[in-house]
Amino acid sequence: METVKLHGETDWNTEGSTVHSILFQMGKEYYGLPISLVKEIIKPLPVTRFPKSPPFVEGVIDLRGRILPIINLRTMFGLEPLPLTEESRFVDLQLDGLDIGIVVEAVSEVMHIPASLIEPAPPIVSGVDGKFLNGIARVQDKLIMLLDVDEIFSTWKK
């Protein structure tokens, strides 16, 4: 298995020339994360809020004896937060020096995306937060935004 590094620091584990990622939805858009960073996907648990946290920090959960901070990417990216539904999930991410959970509206699938279908995000589209994208994949009838979680959470990594 080889490792591909797109624009950021995130390692995307690949087999041959595919990117192994988990797809999730925010609104009608699809986003991808490297599967190697995902420890588990769980149904939402009760969240303990902490006063004066940034608006995108939902709080913390007790995940089988581990305290896991929960981040709402919708809020972090400036989108209107949505209430949790039956499809909502917490994705437990294990980054270098940081364990964090993110709220996603729905997990779509795990997919091997051919590297040939991944293009850099156009600067005019990605804007200031373009540094959060490793690229955009065109798969079947979907555009998938491949997130650079190392960049998104760099402030909190050790």
C-alpha atoms as a PDB file:
ATOM      1  CA  MET A   1       0.000   0.000   0.000  1.00  0.00           C
ATOM      2  CA  GLU A   2       1.389   3.419  -0.921  1.00  0.00           C
ATOM      3  CA  THR A   3       0.621   6.765   0.682  1.00  0.00           C
ATOM      4  CA  VAL A   4      -0.452   9.777  -1.336  1.00  0.00           C
ATOM      5  CA  LYS A   5      -0.105  13.312  -0.033  1.00  0.00           C
ATOM      6  CA  LEU A   6      -2.288  15.789  -1.803  1.00  0.00           C
ATOM      7  CA  HIS A   7      -1.927  19.557  -1.308  1.00  0.00           C
ATOM      8  CA  GLY A   8      -1.824  19.337   2.534  1.00  0.00           C
ATOM      9  CA  GLU A   9      -0.147  17.077   5.034  1.00  0.00           C
ATOM     10  CA  THR A  10      -2.900  14.476   5.311  1.00  0.00           C
ATOM     11  CA  ASP A  11      -1.890  10.965   4.312  1.00  0.00           C
ATOM     12  CA  TRP A  12      -4.460   9.315   2.100  1.00  0.00           C
ATOM     13  CA  ASN A  13      -3.871   5.546   2.127  1.00  0.00           C
ATOM     14  CA  THR A  14      -4.166   4.205  -1.375  1.00  0.00           C
ATOM     15  CA  GLU A  15      -4.110   0.849  -3.025  1.00  0.00           C
ATOM     16  CA  GLY A  16      -2.659   1.218  -6.492  1.00  0.00           C
ATOM     17  CA  SER A  17      -3.947   4.540  -7.682  1.00  0.00           C
ATOM     18  CA  THR A  18      -7.044   4.916  -5.529  1.00  0.00           C
ATOM     19  CA  VAL A  19      -7.738   7.032  -2.452  1.00  0.00           C
ATOM     20  CA  HIS A  20      -9.453   5.075   0.345  1.00  0.00           C
ATOM     21  CA  SER A  21     -11.884   7.437   2.041  1.00  0.00           C
ATOM     22  CA  ILE A  22     -15.101   7.645   3.986  1.00  0.00           C
ATOM     23  CA  LEU A  23     -17.794   9.854   2.483  1.00  0.00           C
ATOM     24  CA  PHE A  24     -20.267  11.883   4.506  1.00  0.00           C
ATOM     25  CA  GLN A  25     -22.806  14.572   3.813  1.00  0.00           C
ATOM     26  CA  MET A  26     -23.194  18.172   4.923  1.00  0.00           C
ATOM     27  CA  GLY A  27     -26.347  19.442   3.283  1.00  0.00           C
ATOM     28  CA  LYS A  28     -26.450  18.127  -0.262  1.00  0.00           C
ATOM     29  CA  GLU A  29     -22.655  18.127  -0.582  1.00  0.00           C
ATOM     30  CA  TYR A  30     -20.378  15.147  -0.123  1.00  0.00           C
ATOM     31  CA  TYR A  31     -17.100  15.284   1.767  1.00  0.00           C
ATOM     32  CA  GLY A  32     -14.332  12.738   2.125  1.00  0.00           C
ATOM     33  CA  LEU A  33     -11.888  11.893   4.905  1.00  0.00           C
ATOM     34  CA  PRO A  34      -8.986   9.439   4.800  1.00  0.00           C
ATOM     35  CA  ILE A  35     -10.298   6.158   6.197  1.00  0.00           C
ATOM     36  CA  SER A  36      -6.989   5.682   8.030  1.00  0.00           C
ATOM     37  CA  LEU A  37      -7.944   8.522  10.426  1.00  0.00           C
ATOM     38  CA  VAL A  38     -11.339   7.086  11.365  1.00  0.00           C
ATOM     39  CA  LYS A  39     -11.359   5.002  14.537  1.00  0.00           C
ATOM     40  CA  GLU A  40     -15.107   4.458  14.579  1.00  0.00           C
ATOM     41  CA  ILE A  41     -18.486   5.848  13.590  1.00  0.00           C
ATOM     42  CA  ILE A  42     -21.134   6.000  16.297  1.00  0.00           C
ATOM     43  CA  LYS A  43     -24.679   7.176  16.805  1.00  0.00           C
ATOM     44  CA  PRO A  44     -24.738  10.489  18.679  1.00  0.00           C
ATOM     45  CA  LEU A  45     -24.357  10.279  22.446  1.00  0.00           C
ATOM     46  CA  PRO A  46     -25.342  12.910  25.029  1.00  0.00           C
ATOM     47  CA  VAL A  47     -22.958  15.883  24.799  1.00  0.00           C
ATOM     48  CA  THR A  48     -21.748  17.804  27.844  1.00  0.00           C
ATOM     49  CA  ARG A  49     -21.407  21.428  26.858  1.00  0.00           C
ATOM     50  CA  PHE A  50     -18.660  23.661  28.196  1.00  0.00           C
ATOM     51  CA  PRO A  51     -19.221  27.412  28.709  1.00  0.00           C
ATOM     52  CA  LYS A  52     -17.317  29.871  26.526  1.00  0.00           C
ATOM     53  CA  SER A  53     -16.203  27.223  24.033  1.00  0.00           C
ATOM     54  CA  PRO A  54     -16.075  28.336  20.396  1.00  0.00           C
ATOM     55  CA  PRO A  55     -19.506  28.038  18.710  1.00  0.00           C
ATOM     56  CA  PHE A  56     -18.394  25.032  16.636  1.00  0.00           C
ATOM     57  CA  VAL A  57     -17.455  23.006  19.750  1.00  0.00           C
ATOM     58  CA  GLU A  58     -20.545  21.027  20.720  1.00  0.00           C
ATOM     59  CA  GLY A  59     -18.909  19.814  23.939  1.00  0.00           C
ATOM     60  CA  VAL A  60     -17.491  16.467  25.056  1.00  0.00           C
ATOM     61  CA  ILE A  61     -18.782  12.910  25.273  1.00  0.00           C
ATOM     62  CA  ASP A  62     -17.743   9.943  27.382  1.00  0.00           C
ATOM     63  CA  LEU A  63     -16.927   7.284  24.813  1.00  0.00           C
ATOM     64  CA  ARG A  64     -16.318   4.107  26.816  1.00  0.00           C
ATOM     65  CA  GLY A  65     -14.121   5.898  29.355  1.00  0.00           C
ATOM     66  CA  ARG A  66     -12.474   8.279  26.855  1.00  0.00           C
ATOM     67  CA  ILE A  67     -13.346  11.980  26.863  1.00  0.00           C
ATOM     68  CA  LEU A  68     -13.874  12.979  23.223  1.00  0.00           C
ATOM     69  CA  PRO A  69     -14.460  16.594  22.139  1.00  0.00           C
ATOM     70  CA  ILE A  70     -17.203  16.924  19.521  1.00  0.00           C
ATOM     71  CA  ILE A  71     -16.848  19.491  16.731  1.00  0.00           C
ATOM     72  CA  ASN A  72     -19.641  20.586  14.417  1.00  0.00           C
ATOM     73  CA  LEU A  73     -18.019  21.070  10.996  1.00  0.00           C
ATOM     74  CA  ARG A  74     -21.131  22.816   9.638  1.00  0.00           C
ATOM     75  CA  THR A  75     -20.724  25.566  12.230  1.00  0.00           C
ATOM     76  CA  MET A  76     -16.940  25.630  11.803  1.00  0.00           C
ATOM     77  CA  PHE A  77     -17.395  26.167   8.050  1.00  0.00           C
ATOM     78  CA  GLY A  78     -19.945  28.954   8.577  1.00  0.00           C
ATOM     79  CA  LEU A  79     -23.048  26.897   7.734  1.00  0.00           C
ATOM     80  CA  GLU A  80     -26.249  26.901   9.737  1.00  0.00           C
ATOM     81  CA  PRO A  81     -26.205  24.066  12.330  1.00  0.00           C
ATOM     82  CA  LEU A  82     -28.873  21.392  11.935  1.00  0.00           C
ATOM     83  CA  PRO A  83     -30.553  19.304  14.611  1.00  0.00           C
ATOM     84  CA  LEU A  84     -29.416  15.693  14.953  1.00  0.00           C
ATOM     85  CA  THR A  85     -31.477  13.089  13.091  1.00  0.00           C
ATOM     86  CA  GLU A  86     -31.586   9.300  12.848  1.00  0.00           C
ATOM     87  CA  GLU A  87     -28.951   9.562  10.101  1.00  0.00           C
ATOM     88  CA  SER A  88     -26.560  11.784  12.112  1.00  0.00           C
ATOM     89  CA  ARG A  89     -23.302  10.256  13.292  1.00  0.00           C
ATOM     90  CA  PHE A  90     -20.230  11.144  15.329  1.00  0.00           C
ATOM     91  CA  VAL A  91     -17.011  10.218  13.545  1.00  0.00           C
ATOM     92  CA  ASP A  92     -14.156   9.487  15.951  1.00  0.00           C
ATOM     93  CA  LEU A  93     -10.941  10.734  14.315  1.00  0.00           C
ATOM     94  CA  GLN A  94      -7.462   9.808  15.527  1.00  0.00           C
ATOM     95  CA  LEU A  95      -5.035  12.474  14.348  1.00  0.00           C
ATOM     96  CA  ASP A  96      -1.401  12.882  15.284  1.00  0.00           C
ATOM     97  CA  GLY A  97      -1.621  14.127  18.885  1.00  0.00           C
ATOM     98  CA  LEU A  98      -5.387  14.765  18.786  1.00  0.00           C
ATOM     99  CA  ASP A  99      -8.479  12.623  19.243  1.00  0.00           C
ATOM    100  CA  ILE A 100     -11.597  14.445  18.112  1.00  0.00           C
ATOM    101  CA  GLY A 101     -15.143  13.660  17.078  1.00  0.00           C
ATOM    102  CA  ILE A 102     -16.996  15.415  14.309  1.00  0.00           C
ATOM    103  CA  VAL A 103     -20.740  15.616  13.751  1.00  0.00           C
ATOM    104  CA  VAL A 104     -21.869  14.555  10.282  1.00  0.00           C
ATOM    105  CA  GLU A 105     -25.402  14.545   8.909  1.00  0.00           C
ATOM    106  CA  ALA A 106     -25.043  11.123   7.338  1.00  0.00           C
ATOM    107  CA  VAL A 107     -22.251   8.712   6.496  1.00  0.00           C
ATOM    108  CA  SER A 108     -22.627   7.770   2.863  1.00  0.00           C
ATOM    109  CA  GLU A 109     -20.073   5.038   2.150  1.00  0.00           C
ATOM    110  CA  VAL A 110     -16.458   3.950   2.193  1.00  0.00           C
ATOM    111  CA  MET A 111     -14.958   4.291  -1.253  1.00  0.00           C
ATOM    112  CA  HIS A 112     -11.763   3.815  -3.214  1.00  0.00           C
ATOM    113  CA  ILE A 113     -11.594   6.966  -5.343  1.00  0.00           C
ATOM    114  CA  PRO A 114      -9.322   6.710  -8.391  1.00  0.00           C
ATOM    115  CA  ALA A 115      -6.546   9.305  -7.964  1.00  0.00           C
ATOM    116  CA  SER A 116      -7.070  10.286 -11.599  1.00  0.00           C
ATOM    117  CA  LEU A 117     -10.498  11.688 -10.645  1.00  0.00           C
ATOM    118  CA  ILE A 118      -9.063  14.081  -8.029  1.00  0.00           C
ATOM    119  CA  GLU A 119      -8.335  17.684  -9.004  1.00  0.00           C
ATOM    120  CA  PRO A 120      -7.064  20.610  -6.952  1.00  0.00           C
ATOM    121  CA  ALA A 121      -9.800  22.864  -5.578  1.00  0.00           C
ATOM    122  CA  PRO A 122     -10.058  26.019  -7.718  1.00  0.00           C
ATOM    123  CA  PRO A 123      -8.796  28.991  -5.650  1.00  0.00           C
ATOM    124  CA  ILE A 124     -11.848  31.098  -6.473  1.00  0.00           C
ATOM    125  CA  VAL A 125     -14.126  28.384  -5.062  1.00  0.00           C
ATOM    126  CA  SER A 126     -12.048  27.422  -2.065  1.00  0.00           C
ATOM    127  CA  GLY A 127     -11.444  31.002  -0.916  1.00  0.00           C
ATOM    128  CA  VAL A 128      -9.785  31.631   2.432  1.00  0.00           C
ATOM    129  CA  ASP A 129     -10.735  28.196   3.748  1.00  0.00           C
ATOM    130  CA  GLY A 130      -9.380  26.513   0.615  1.00  0.00           C
ATOM    131  CA  LYS A 131      -6.502  25.368   2.751  1.00  0.00           C
ATOM    132  CA  PHE A 132      -9.007  22.938   4.294  1.00  0.00           C
ATOM    133  CA  LEU A 133      -9.376  21.052   0.996  1.00  0.00           C
ATOM    134  CA  ASN A 134      -6.927  18.548  -0.444  1.00  0.00           C
ATOM    135  CA  GLY A 135      -8.854  18.393  -3.676  1.00  0.00           C
ATOM    136  CA  ILE A 136     -12.175  17.654  -5.321  1.00  0.00           C
ATOM    137  CA  ALA A 137     -13.044  14.257  -6.751  1.00  0.00           C
ATOM    138  CA  ARG A 138     -15.531  13.797  -9.546  1.00  0.00           C
ATOM    139  CA  VAL A 139     -17.127  10.369  -8.976  1.00  0.00           C
ATOM    140  CA  GLN A 140     -20.176   9.312 -10.972  1.00  0.00           C
ATOM    141  CA  ASP A 141     -22.712  12.121 -10.482  1.00  0.00           C
ATOM    142  CA  LYS A 142     -21.079  13.570  -7.331  1.00  0.00           C
ATOM    143  CA  LEU A 143     -18.408  16.112  -6.521  1.00  0.00           C
ATOM    144  CA  ILE A 144     -16.608  15.063  -3.342  1.00  0.00           C
ATOM    145  CA  MET A 145     -14.671  17.628  -1.310  1.00  0.00           C
ATOM    146  CA  LEU A 146     -11.610  15.866   0.131  1.00  0.00           C
ATOM    147  CA  LEU A 147     -10.883  17.486   3.480  1.00  0.00           C
ATOM    148  CA  ASP A 148      -7.434  18.188   4.869  1.00  0.00           C
ATOM    149  CA  VAL A 149      -8.146  17.384   8.511  1.00  0.00           C
ATOM    150  CA  ASP A 150      -4.554  18.089   9.521  1.00  0.00           C
ATOM    151  CA  GLU A 151      -5.047  21.680   8.379  1.00  0.00           C
ATOM    152  CA  ILE A 152      -8.576  21.986   9.800  1.00  0.00           C
ATOM    153  CA  PHE A 153      -7.452  20.911  13.275  1.00  0.00           C
ATOM    154  CA  SER A 154      -3.822  22.124  13.178  1.00  0.00           C
ATOM    155  CA  THR A 155      -4.433  24.657  15.957  1.00  0.00           C
ATOM    156  CA  TRP A 156      -5.197  21.873  18.439  1.00  0.00           C
ATOM    157  CA  LYS A 157      -2.681  19.252  17.395  1.00  0.00           C
ATOM    158  CA  LYS A 158       0.298  18.654  19.680  1.00  0.00           C
END
